[in-house]
Amino acid sequence: MAATAPKLSPIQVHLLRFFSERNVNEQETQELQKLMAQYYADKADRLMENIWEEKNLSETKMLEILEQDLKK
């Protein structure tokens, strides 16, 4: 039985079409990778900020958690 390729998501299709029409050099490739990495890093930061606000966390509370003896 032959394995079937997974279906591409809409964003994957869009990016394939976008870049198939352009000649992207190595420097541009690296810049785009950094942009995408920064996008997801920023998104993760916003998510963590929301979690901290929802859970009413603070640096002091986090330090208290880190100092707890979890072996008890």
C-alpha atoms as a PDB file:
ATOM      1  CA  MET A   1       0.000   0.000   0.000  1.00  0.00           C
ATOM      2  CA  ALA A   2       1.456   3.366  -1.038  1.00  0.00           C
ATOM      3  CA  ALA A   3       1.674   6.131   1.527  1.00  0.00           C
ATOM      4  CA  THR A   4      -0.322   9.229   0.687  1.00  0.00           C
ATOM      5  CA  ALA A   5       1.153  12.683   1.160  1.00  0.00           C
ATOM      6  CA  PRO A   6      -0.474  14.772   3.864  1.00  0.00           C
ATOM      7  CA  LYS A   7      -2.792  17.497   2.611  1.00  0.00           C
ATOM      8  CA  LEU A   8      -1.234  20.962   2.622  1.00  0.00           C
ATOM      9  CA  SER A   9      -2.796  23.640   4.777  1.00  0.00           C
ATOM     10  CA  PRO A  10      -4.011  26.871   3.166  1.00  0.00           C
ATOM     11  CA  ILE A  11      -0.960  28.771   4.462  1.00  0.00           C
ATOM     12  CA  GLN A  12       1.393  26.156   3.032  1.00  0.00           C
ATOM     13  CA  VAL A  13      -0.286  26.431  -0.364  1.00  0.00           C
ATOM     14  CA  HIS A  14      -0.133  30.229  -0.204  1.00  0.00           C
ATOM     15  CA  LEU A  15       3.574  30.220   0.674  1.00  0.00           C
ATOM     16  CA  LEU A  16       4.376  27.712  -2.068  1.00  0.00           C
ATOM     17  CA  ARG A  17       2.587  29.861  -4.639  1.00  0.00           C
ATOM     18  CA  PHE A  18       4.148  33.065  -3.319  1.00  0.00           C
ATOM     19  CA  PHE A  19       7.703  31.750  -3.400  1.00  0.00           C
ATOM     20  CA  SER A  20       7.304  29.853  -6.664  1.00  0.00           C
ATOM     21  CA  GLU A  21       6.907  33.264  -8.344  1.00  0.00           C
ATOM     22  CA  ARG A  22      10.049  34.746  -6.772  1.00  0.00           C
ATOM     23  CA  ASN A  23      13.740  34.052  -6.838  1.00  0.00           C
ATOM     24  CA  VAL A  24      14.700  34.171  -3.151  1.00  0.00           C
ATOM     25  CA  ASN A  25      18.408  34.193  -2.365  1.00  0.00           C
ATOM     26  CA  GLU A  26      20.082  32.743   0.754  1.00  0.00           C
ATOM     27  CA  GLN A  27      20.133  36.070   2.626  1.00  0.00           C
ATOM     28  CA  GLU A  28      16.422  36.625   1.999  1.00  0.00           C
ATOM     29  CA  THR A  29      15.715  33.054   3.070  1.00  0.00           C
ATOM     30  CA  GLN A  30      17.510  33.652   6.376  1.00  0.00           C
ATOM     31  CA  GLU A  31      15.706  36.968   6.898  1.00  0.00           C
ATOM     32  CA  LEU A  32      12.341  35.327   6.265  1.00  0.00           C
ATOM     33  CA  GLN A  33      13.172  32.499   8.675  1.00  0.00           C
ATOM     34  CA  LYS A  34      14.044  35.076  11.345  1.00  0.00           C
ATOM     35  CA  LEU A  35      10.794  36.958  10.692  1.00  0.00           C
ATOM     36  CA  MET A  36       8.736  33.788  11.069  1.00  0.00           C
ATOM     37  CA  ALA A  37      10.636  32.756  14.199  1.00  0.00           C
ATOM     38  CA  GLN A  38      10.100  36.228  15.698  1.00  0.00           C
ATOM     39  CA  TYR A  39       6.399  36.075  14.837  1.00  0.00           C
ATOM     40  CA  TYR A  40       5.954  32.816  16.760  1.00  0.00           C
ATOM     41  CA  ALA A  41       8.168  33.990  19.636  1.00  0.00           C
ATOM     42  CA  ASP A  42       6.012  37.115  19.986  1.00  0.00           C
ATOM     43  CA  LYS A  43       2.871  34.995  19.831  1.00  0.00           C
ATOM     44  CA  ALA A  44       4.211  32.723  22.599  1.00  0.00           C
ATOM     45  CA  ASP A  45       5.105  35.777  24.713  1.00  0.00           C
ATOM     46  CA  ARG A  46       1.566  37.139  24.382  1.00  0.00           C
ATOM     47  CA  LEU A  47       0.130  33.753  25.323  1.00  0.00           C
ATOM     48  CA  MET A  48       2.366  33.562  28.415  1.00  0.00           C
ATOM     49  CA  GLU A  49       1.403  37.108  29.426  1.00  0.00           C
ATOM     50  CA  ASN A  50      -2.275  36.112  29.196  1.00  0.00           C
ATOM     51  CA  ILE A  51      -1.664  33.019  31.312  1.00  0.00           C
ATOM     52  CA  TRP A  52       0.219  35.076  33.929  1.00  0.00           C
ATOM     53  CA  GLU A  53      -2.661  37.559  34.097  1.00  0.00           C
ATOM     54  CA  GLU A  54      -5.339  34.839  34.288  1.00  0.00           C
ATOM     55  CA  LYS A  55      -3.463  32.957  37.034  1.00  0.00           C
ATOM     56  CA  ASN A  56      -2.477  36.180  38.832  1.00  0.00           C
ATOM     57  CA  LEU A  57       1.193  35.209  38.700  1.00  0.00           C
ATOM     58  CA  SER A  58       4.145  37.430  39.503  1.00  0.00           C
ATOM     59  CA  GLU A  59       7.906  37.092  39.634  1.00  0.00           C
ATOM     60  CA  THR A  60       7.679  36.711  43.410  1.00  0.00           C
ATOM     61  CA  LYS A  61       5.114  33.894  43.075  1.00  0.00           C
ATOM     62  CA  MET A  62       7.261  32.136  40.464  1.00  0.00           C
ATOM     63  CA  LEU A  63      10.321  32.323  42.735  1.00  0.00           C
ATOM     64  CA  GLU A  64       8.259  30.836  45.574  1.00  0.00           C
ATOM     65  CA  ILE A  65       7.237  27.957  43.299  1.00  0.00           C
ATOM     66  CA  LEU A  66      10.856  27.366  42.256  1.00  0.00           C
ATOM     67  CA  GLU A  67      11.966  27.199  45.887  1.00  0.00           C
ATOM     68  CA  GLN A  68       9.368  24.583  46.860  1.00  0.00           C
ATOM     69  CA  ASP A  69      10.649  21.128  47.702  1.00  0.00           C
ATOM     70  CA  LEU A  70       8.790  18.934  45.223  1.00  0.00           C
ATOM     71  CA  LYS A  71      10.080  15.691  46.766  1.00  0.00           C
ATOM     72  CA  LYS A  72       7.647  15.911  49.698  1.00  0.00           C
END
